Amino acid sequence: MPSKARPHDDAWLPHPAEPWYDRELGTKGGGLSHPWTPDPAKRRSYMRYVLCGNGGERFHHMREVADQDPAALAPWADHVARFGDKAIARLLETDWTGFWRACTGASDAAIDDLAARIARSPPREPRRHEMMADVKQARVELLIGSDSDHALMRLGELSRKHKAIREMCRLRGVVIPKGARSAGIRRYAMPQQLIASKARVANPKLRALVSPGKILVDPRGLRCRHQVFVALDADLALLPGKPLARAKARRAYLFSSMCDACEEHTTDYSWKPKGKKIAFDDEHRDECDSEVAPDPPGKAVRLRLVQRQQLKSQFDVIGALGGWPYWIQAFPSWPQCHGRPMFYVGHVYVFELGGVGNHSYSFVCECGAGVQTNQCT
């Protein structure tokens, strides 16, 4: 883990002359502790303060800002892409898990400058799991996180020359084809959409807490003798751009357990189609000694897809569809199938549905296979 971030340094980014810019917010933060002020211009101003060090405090919302309001980062993205080593180190200490999204909205010229700097001094090895990136690794991740088509082209060129960069792309869900001039390929869909409860009408394409027996051949858990519950049942056609329109997989799932007598809620699941249902790959182990079935989680929840600015209450959010995994503990675990990253679908905060405090992430492959990974926080 990094040490406490150093104090704010006002020299890293210029002050814009545009009328929207609030210099007090951009220099001192204006007393805000998070970026979700209802005023987009204030959010853009505040992000300058964050990118300059956030007053020496940790910042934990870079990924959310990049996904939900990329315009708040756009005025600063070109400057971040051209940051020197000291400014990169300051950014890492400010948000060591989400820093890599800070170049969202960077221009092609800034992307070229960033790629050229990486080519001159590439990382020797990929960033290790749960370790803060060094400056060379950070620049590669900033290039990945900028997520433009031009950046994917530059990543393709760099990855064919440097194995470490190719592996870093794979760990972030970017496939590098073998073609000499091929760009990297996204294994995720943008833009991200939040999954919220309290929809007025039920949506058959987006469900939770439906009967597990309608989905699973055997609805028991892998460790538990009792049934799992369905934390998410989503139609893949809901993903922006419908990138899996030709896949055998038609829906993505997440499961959890209400049983407090075993560790079923920590189980990572994988499955394959079996007839009109799916079946877990691993055999049922029946490690649970509880004779009493846990209470069912409740009635099916009506879900909707929204952007953060459309929410009346942040407490309605139970997860997200699309985007990158919000792997809170620094680095994503990206499952592979057929030698390439699976397609990331979305995540759910299982505790919002009555389960134990997991963040659960859903991945699918075009062949019909699915994987769920969990993180306990």
Protein backbone atom coordinates (compact mmCIF):
# COMPACT_ATOMS: atom_id res chain seq x y z
CA MET A 1 0.00 0.00 0.00
CA PRO A 2 1.24 3.52 -0.73
CA SER A 3 2.13 5.96 2.00
CA LYS A 4 -0.07 8.96 2.70
CA ALA A 5 -0.22 11.24 -0.32
CA ARG A 6 1.93 14.35 -0.27
CA PRO A 7 0.36 17.81 -0.10
CA HIS A 8 -1.40 19.41 -3.05
CA ASP A 9 0.92 21.00 -5.64
CA ASP A 10 -0.76 23.67 -7.77
CA ALA A 11 1.94 23.55 -10.46
CA TRP A 12 0.92 20.31 -12.20
CA LEU A 13 -1.95 21.69 -14.33
CA PRO A 14 -2.66 25.13 -15.86
CA HIS A 15 -5.69 27.16 -14.84
CA PRO A 16 -8.14 27.45 -17.77
CA ALA A 17 -9.35 30.86 -18.91
CA GLU A 18 -12.82 29.52 -19.81
CA PRO A 19 -15.80 31.04 -17.97
CA TRP A 20 -16.91 27.68 -16.56
CA TYR A 21 -13.74 27.31 -14.47
CA ASP A 22 -13.98 27.94 -10.72
CA ARG A 23 -10.44 28.75 -9.57
CA GLU A 24 -11.30 28.25 -5.89
CA LEU A 25 -12.47 24.70 -6.58
CA GLY A 26 -9.59 23.99 -8.93
CA THR A 27 -6.99 25.22 -6.45
CA LYS A 28 -8.36 24.34 -3.00
CA GLY A 29 -11.21 21.93 -3.63
CA GLY A 30 -13.85 24.27 -2.24
CA GLY A 31 -14.50 21.99 0.72
CA LEU A 32 -15.86 19.18 -1.44
CA SER A 33 -15.05 15.61 -0.37
CA HIS A 34 -16.41 13.85 -3.47
CA PRO A 35 -17.06 14.87 -7.12
CA TRP A 36 -20.83 14.41 -7.27
CA THR A 37 -21.90 18.01 -7.05
CA PRO A 38 -24.96 18.51 -9.29
CA ASP A 39 -23.14 21.22 -11.27
CA PRO A 40 -21.02 19.67 -14.11
CA ALA A 41 -18.82 22.79 -14.38
CA LYS A 42 -17.98 22.59 -10.69
CA ARG A 43 -17.16 18.91 -11.13
CA ARG A 44 -14.72 19.74 -13.97
CA SER A 45 -13.10 22.42 -11.80
CA TYR A 46 -12.86 20.12 -8.79
CA MET A 47 -11.14 17.41 -10.82
CA ARG A 48 -8.18 19.75 -11.39
CA TYR A 49 -7.71 19.90 -7.62
CA VAL A 50 -7.88 16.08 -7.46
CA LEU A 51 -5.38 15.56 -10.28
CA CYS A 52 -2.94 17.95 -8.59
CA GLY A 53 -2.87 15.85 -5.42
CA ASN A 54 -6.28 16.29 -3.74
CA GLY A 55 -4.78 18.23 -0.86
CA GLY A 56 -2.77 15.22 0.25
CA GLU A 57 -5.89 13.10 0.81
CA ARG A 58 -6.87 9.86 -0.87
CA PHE A 59 -9.35 10.01 -3.75
CA HIS A 60 -11.46 6.95 -4.55
CA HIS A 61 -13.75 8.07 -7.39
CA MET A 62 -11.58 8.39 -10.51
CA ARG A 63 -13.14 5.36 -12.18
CA GLU A 64 -16.66 6.53 -11.37
CA VAL A 65 -15.97 9.97 -12.82
CA ALA A 66 -14.46 8.47 -15.99
CA ASP A 67 -17.47 6.18 -16.44
CA GLN A 68 -20.28 8.51 -15.43
CA ASP A 69 -19.02 11.97 -16.44
CA PRO A 70 -15.95 11.74 -18.72
CA ALA A 71 -16.39 15.43 -19.59
CA ALA A 72 -15.12 16.23 -16.08
CA LEU A 73 -11.72 14.76 -16.99
CA ALA A 74 -11.56 15.91 -20.62
CA PRO A 75 -10.12 19.43 -19.95
CA TRP A 76 -7.16 17.87 -18.11
CA ALA A 77 -6.60 14.63 -20.03
CA ASP A 78 -3.98 15.94 -22.49
CA HIS A 79 -1.95 17.43 -19.65
CA VAL A 80 -2.10 14.19 -17.64
CA ALA A 81 -0.95 12.22 -20.70
CA ARG A 82 2.14 14.44 -20.77
CA PHE A 83 2.82 14.37 -17.02
CA GLY A 84 6.45 14.02 -15.95
CA ASP A 85 7.62 11.33 -13.56
CA LYS A 86 7.01 13.38 -10.40
CA ALA A 87 3.47 14.27 -11.43
CA ILE A 88 2.74 10.62 -12.29
CA ALA A 89 4.03 9.57 -8.86
CA ARG A 90 1.77 12.16 -7.21
CA LEU A 91 -1.22 10.86 -9.18
CA LEU A 92 -0.46 7.29 -8.10
CA GLU A 93 -0.40 8.31 -4.45
CA THR A 94 -3.69 10.18 -4.81
CA ASP A 95 -5.65 7.25 -6.27
CA TRP A 96 -3.47 4.19 -6.77
CA THR A 97 -6.40 1.99 -7.90
CA GLY A 98 -8.20 4.40 -10.23
CA PHE A 99 -5.44 6.74 -11.48
CA TRP A 100 -5.29 4.95 -14.85
CA ARG A 101 -8.64 6.42 -15.96
CA ALA A 102 -7.34 10.01 -15.70
CA CYS A 103 -6.55 10.27 -19.44
CA THR A 104 -10.16 9.71 -20.46
CA GLY A 105 -10.87 12.12 -23.32
CA ALA A 106 -7.24 12.71 -24.33
CA SER A 107 -6.62 13.88 -27.91
CA ASP A 108 -4.89 11.73 -30.52
CA ALA A 109 -1.83 14.03 -30.35
CA ALA A 110 -1.55 13.57 -26.57
CA ILE A 111 -2.01 9.81 -26.99
CA ASP A 112 0.85 9.79 -29.51
CA ASP A 113 3.09 11.66 -27.07
CA LEU A 114 2.23 9.21 -24.28
CA ALA A 115 2.85 6.20 -26.53
CA ALA A 116 6.18 7.62 -27.70
CA ARG A 117 7.32 8.08 -24.12
CA ILE A 118 6.34 4.49 -23.31
CA ALA A 119 8.25 3.26 -26.38
CA ARG A 120 11.39 5.06 -25.21
CA SER A 121 11.17 3.59 -21.71
CA PRO A 122 8.86 0.56 -21.56
CA PRO A 123 8.14 -1.38 -18.36
CA ARG A 124 10.19 -4.54 -17.82
CA GLU A 125 7.34 -6.47 -16.23
CA PRO A 126 3.57 -6.14 -15.74
CA ARG A 127 2.18 -4.56 -12.63
CA ARG A 128 1.84 -7.15 -9.89
CA HIS A 129 -1.49 -7.90 -8.28
CA GLU A 130 -2.31 -5.57 -5.36
CA MET A 131 0.89 -3.57 -5.86
CA MET A 132 1.06 0.11 -6.77
CA ALA A 133 2.34 0.62 -10.32
CA ASP A 134 5.71 2.17 -10.96
CA VAL A 135 5.90 5.18 -13.27
CA LYS A 136 6.60 3.13 -16.42
CA GLN A 137 3.73 0.76 -15.72
CA ALA A 138 1.47 3.71 -14.85
CA ARG A 139 1.96 5.27 -18.28
CA VAL A 140 0.89 2.03 -19.98
CA GLU A 141 -2.21 1.87 -17.80
CA LEU A 142 -3.02 5.51 -18.54
CA LEU A 143 -2.86 4.65 -22.23
CA ILE A 144 -5.18 1.67 -21.72
CA GLY A 145 -7.55 3.72 -19.58
CA SER A 146 -7.89 6.50 -22.16
CA ASP A 147 -9.98 3.95 -24.11
CA SER A 148 -9.96 5.68 -27.50
CA ASP A 149 -9.66 3.86 -30.81
CA HIS A 150 -6.40 5.71 -31.41
CA ALA A 151 -5.05 4.51 -28.06
CA LEU A 152 -5.97 0.92 -28.98
CA MET A 153 -3.96 1.29 -32.19
CA ARG A 154 -0.93 2.51 -30.24
CA LEU A 155 -1.34 -0.31 -27.71
CA GLY A 156 -1.32 -2.82 -30.57
CA GLU A 157 1.97 -1.42 -31.85
CA LEU A 158 3.60 -1.34 -28.40
CA SER A 159 2.36 -4.79 -27.38
CA ARG A 160 3.86 -6.50 -30.43
CA LYS A 161 7.27 -5.19 -29.37
CA HIS A 162 7.01 -5.56 -25.59
CA LYS A 163 5.68 -8.66 -23.86
CA ALA A 164 5.06 -6.84 -20.57
CA ILE A 165 2.75 -4.32 -22.28
CA ARG A 166 0.86 -7.13 -24.03
CA GLU A 167 0.30 -8.83 -20.67
CA MET A 168 -0.85 -5.56 -19.09
CA CYS A 169 -3.40 -5.18 -21.87
CA ARG A 170 -4.68 -8.71 -21.28
CA LEU A 171 -5.10 -8.02 -17.57
CA ARG A 172 -7.25 -4.99 -18.42
CA GLY A 173 -9.42 -6.83 -20.94
CA VAL A 174 -7.73 -5.69 -24.17
CA VAL A 175 -6.89 -8.37 -26.75
CA ILE A 176 -3.91 -7.75 -29.04
CA PRO A 177 -4.39 -9.51 -32.41
CA LYS A 178 -1.45 -11.05 -34.24
CA GLY A 179 -1.78 -8.81 -37.30
CA ALA A 180 1.10 -6.40 -37.87
CA ARG A 181 -1.12 -3.31 -37.83
CA SER A 182 -4.11 -4.50 -35.83
CA ALA A 183 -5.46 -2.38 -32.98
CA GLY A 184 -6.28 -3.74 -29.56
CA ILE A 185 -9.79 -5.11 -29.14
CA ARG A 186 -12.02 -4.23 -26.17
CA ARG A 187 -13.45 -7.08 -24.12
CA TYR A 188 -15.79 -4.70 -22.32
CA ALA A 189 -18.54 -2.31 -23.44
CA MET A 190 -18.70 1.45 -23.04
CA PRO A 191 -20.34 3.55 -21.75
CA GLN A 192 -21.10 2.06 -18.37
CA GLN A 193 -24.69 2.13 -17.14
CA LEU A 194 -25.63 1.94 -13.46
CA ILE A 195 -28.06 -0.73 -12.27
CA ALA A 196 -30.58 0.79 -9.89
CA SER A 197 -33.55 -0.55 -7.98
CA LYS A 198 -37.06 0.88 -7.68
CA ALA A 199 -37.98 0.67 -11.35
CA ARG A 200 -41.65 1.45 -11.97
CA VAL A 201 -42.21 -1.65 -14.07
CA ALA A 202 -40.45 -5.02 -14.19
CA ASN A 203 -37.93 -5.44 -17.01
CA PRO A 204 -37.57 -9.07 -18.18
CA LYS A 205 -34.15 -8.23 -19.61
CA LEU A 206 -32.74 -7.13 -16.24
CA ARG A 207 -33.72 -9.08 -13.13
CA ALA A 208 -32.61 -10.09 -9.65
CA LEU A 209 -33.92 -12.53 -7.05
CA VAL A 210 -35.70 -14.71 -9.62
CA SER A 211 -36.04 -18.45 -8.99
CA PRO A 212 -32.61 -20.16 -9.36
CA GLY A 213 -34.36 -23.35 -10.51
CA LYS A 214 -35.36 -21.57 -13.71
CA ILE A 215 -31.70 -20.93 -14.56
CA LEU A 216 -29.60 -23.71 -12.98
CA VAL A 217 -29.87 -27.44 -13.57
CA ASP A 218 -28.95 -27.88 -9.90
CA PRO A 219 -29.73 -24.70 -7.93
CA ARG A 220 -27.66 -25.72 -4.89
CA GLY A 221 -24.39 -23.97 -4.18
CA LEU A 222 -21.03 -25.67 -4.65
CA ARG A 223 -20.31 -25.80 -0.90
CA CYS A 224 -23.81 -25.38 0.51
CA ARG A 225 -26.64 -27.90 0.51
CA HIS A 226 -29.11 -25.05 0.11
CA GLN A 227 -30.06 -23.10 -3.00
CA VAL A 228 -28.14 -20.05 -4.14
CA PHE A 229 -30.03 -16.89 -5.00
CA VAL A 230 -29.83 -14.99 -8.27
CA ALA A 231 -28.16 -11.59 -7.80
CA LEU A 232 -28.34 -10.71 -11.50
CA ASP A 233 -29.97 -12.11 -14.64
CA ALA A 234 -29.21 -9.75 -17.54
CA ASP A 235 -29.89 -9.95 -21.27
CA LEU A 236 -26.59 -9.35 -23.11
CA ALA A 237 -28.46 -7.23 -25.67
CA LEU A 238 -28.51 -4.49 -23.00
CA LEU A 239 -24.75 -3.94 -23.40
CA PRO A 240 -23.97 -0.74 -25.33
CA GLY A 241 -23.34 -1.50 -29.01
CA LYS A 242 -24.54 -5.11 -28.57
CA PRO A 243 -20.99 -6.53 -28.91
CA LEU A 244 -22.17 -10.10 -28.19
CA ALA A 245 -25.05 -10.19 -30.65
CA ARG A 246 -23.63 -13.30 -32.38
CA ALA A 247 -22.53 -15.12 -29.23
CA LYS A 248 -24.08 -18.37 -28.04
CA ALA A 249 -24.44 -16.80 -24.62
CA ARG A 250 -27.66 -14.78 -24.42
CA ARG A 251 -27.70 -13.82 -20.73
CA ALA A 252 -25.24 -13.13 -17.92
CA TYR A 253 -25.68 -14.17 -14.31
CA LEU A 254 -24.45 -13.58 -10.78
CA PHE A 255 -25.22 -15.80 -7.80
CA SER A 256 -24.78 -15.67 -4.04
CA SER A 257 -25.93 -17.33 -0.83
CA MET A 258 -27.94 -16.33 2.23
CA CYS A 259 -26.51 -19.18 4.32
CA ASP A 260 -24.49 -17.98 7.33
CA ALA A 261 -23.23 -21.47 8.24
CA CYS A 262 -20.71 -21.79 5.41
CA GLU A 263 -18.56 -19.77 3.00
CA GLU A 264 -20.69 -20.26 -0.11
CA HIS A 265 -20.94 -16.49 -0.56
CA THR A 266 -17.19 -16.34 -1.32
CA THR A 267 -17.38 -18.94 -4.10
CA ASP A 268 -16.27 -18.08 -7.62
CA TYR A 269 -18.57 -19.83 -10.08
CA SER A 270 -18.07 -20.96 -13.67
CA TRP A 271 -20.71 -22.57 -15.83
CA LYS A 272 -21.66 -23.81 -19.27
CA PRO A 273 -24.99 -24.19 -21.08
CA LYS A 274 -26.85 -27.45 -20.50
CA GLY A 275 -30.02 -27.65 -22.53
CA LYS A 276 -32.09 -24.54 -21.84
CA LYS A 277 -30.36 -23.98 -18.47
CA ILE A 278 -26.79 -23.71 -17.22
CA ALA A 279 -24.76 -26.01 -14.98
CA PHE A 280 -21.84 -25.15 -12.69
CA ASP A 281 -18.52 -26.65 -13.86
CA ASP A 282 -17.44 -27.79 -10.39
CA GLU A 283 -19.12 -30.63 -8.53
CA HIS A 284 -21.26 -29.96 -5.46
CA ARG A 285 -19.13 -30.58 -2.35
CA ASP A 286 -21.81 -30.39 0.38
CA GLU A 287 -19.46 -28.86 2.96
CA CYS A 288 -22.26 -27.03 4.79
CA ASP A 289 -23.58 -28.68 7.95
CA SER A 290 -26.63 -26.43 8.33
CA GLU A 291 -29.93 -28.34 8.40
CA VAL A 292 -31.97 -25.16 8.36
CA ALA A 293 -32.49 -23.50 5.00
CA PRO A 294 -31.72 -19.77 5.04
CA ASP A 295 -34.58 -17.35 4.59
CA PRO A 296 -35.22 -16.51 0.94
CA PRO A 297 -33.82 -13.10 -0.02
CA GLY A 298 -37.23 -11.66 -0.87
CA LYS A 299 -39.37 -10.84 -3.87
CA ALA A 300 -37.91 -10.16 -7.31
CA VAL A 301 -36.42 -6.66 -7.53
CA ARG A 302 -37.42 -4.30 -10.34
CA LEU A 303 -34.22 -2.97 -11.90
CA ARG A 304 -33.41 -0.13 -14.31
CA LEU A 305 -30.37 1.23 -16.15
CA VAL A 306 -29.48 4.87 -15.43
CA GLN A 307 -26.66 7.39 -15.39
CA ARG A 308 -25.64 8.84 -12.04
CA GLN A 309 -27.04 12.27 -12.86
CA GLN A 310 -30.50 10.71 -13.29
CA LEU A 311 -30.61 9.25 -9.78
CA LYS A 312 -32.72 10.74 -7.04
CA SER A 313 -30.81 8.71 -4.45
CA GLN A 314 -27.33 7.17 -4.64
CA PHE A 315 -28.63 4.41 -2.37
CA ASP A 316 -30.68 2.99 -5.25
CA VAL A 317 -27.53 1.80 -7.04
CA ILE A 318 -26.86 -1.95 -6.73
CA GLY A 319 -24.23 -2.33 -9.47
CA ALA A 320 -23.37 -1.50 -13.07
CA LEU A 321 -23.60 -2.93 -16.57
CA GLY A 322 -20.62 -2.43 -18.88
CA GLY A 323 -17.45 -0.46 -18.28
CA TRP A 324 -14.45 -2.02 -16.53
CA PRO A 325 -14.60 -4.03 -13.30
CA TYR A 326 -14.45 -1.86 -10.17
CA TRP A 327 -11.95 -4.17 -8.55
CA ILE A 328 -11.75 -2.23 -5.30
CA GLN A 329 -8.55 -3.88 -4.10
CA ALA A 330 -6.38 -2.41 -6.83
CA PHE A 331 -6.35 -4.82 -9.76
CA PRO A 332 -8.91 -6.88 -11.67
CA SER A 333 -8.95 -10.64 -11.96
CA TRP A 334 -9.92 -11.16 -15.60
CA PRO A 335 -10.93 -14.74 -16.50
CA GLN A 336 -9.73 -16.28 -19.77
CA CYS A 337 -11.46 -18.60 -22.23
CA HIS A 338 -10.08 -19.96 -25.51
CA GLY A 339 -6.81 -18.11 -24.90
CA ARG A 340 -8.23 -14.59 -24.57
CA PRO A 341 -9.99 -12.48 -21.93
CA MET A 342 -13.69 -13.22 -21.50
CA PHE A 343 -16.13 -10.37 -22.09
CA TYR A 344 -16.87 -8.34 -18.97
CA VAL A 345 -20.60 -7.76 -18.45
CA GLY A 346 -21.04 -6.00 -15.13
CA HIS A 347 -21.06 -6.16 -11.34
CA VAL A 348 -23.48 -6.16 -8.42
CA TYR A 349 -23.03 -5.18 -4.77
CA VAL A 350 -24.58 -8.35 -3.37
CA PHE A 351 -25.12 -6.85 0.09
CA GLU A 352 -27.63 -4.44 -1.47
CA LEU A 353 -29.82 -7.48 -2.17
CA GLY A 354 -29.54 -8.91 1.32
CA GLY A 355 -26.49 -11.13 0.80
CA VAL A 356 -23.10 -11.06 2.49
CA GLY A 357 -20.81 -8.11 1.61
CA ASN A 358 -19.43 -9.21 -1.74
CA HIS A 359 -18.77 -7.32 -4.93
CA SER A 360 -19.51 -9.87 -7.69
CA TYR A 361 -18.38 -9.58 -11.32
CA SER A 362 -19.83 -11.36 -14.36
CA PHE A 363 -17.89 -12.45 -17.47
CA VAL A 364 -19.06 -14.41 -20.52
CA CYS A 365 -17.49 -16.00 -23.57
CA GLU A 366 -18.99 -16.21 -27.04
CA CYS A 367 -18.99 -20.01 -26.65
CA GLY A 368 -21.66 -19.74 -23.95
CA ALA A 369 -19.42 -20.20 -20.90
CA GLY A 370 -19.71 -17.83 -17.96
CA VAL A 371 -17.58 -16.95 -14.92
CA GLN A 372 -18.29 -15.08 -11.71
CA THR A 373 -15.51 -13.66 -9.56
CA ASN A 374 -16.04 -12.19 -6.10
CA GLN A 375 -14.32 -9.75 -3.86
CA CYS A 376 -15.03 -9.56 -0.14
CA THR A 377 -14.56 -6.06 1.32
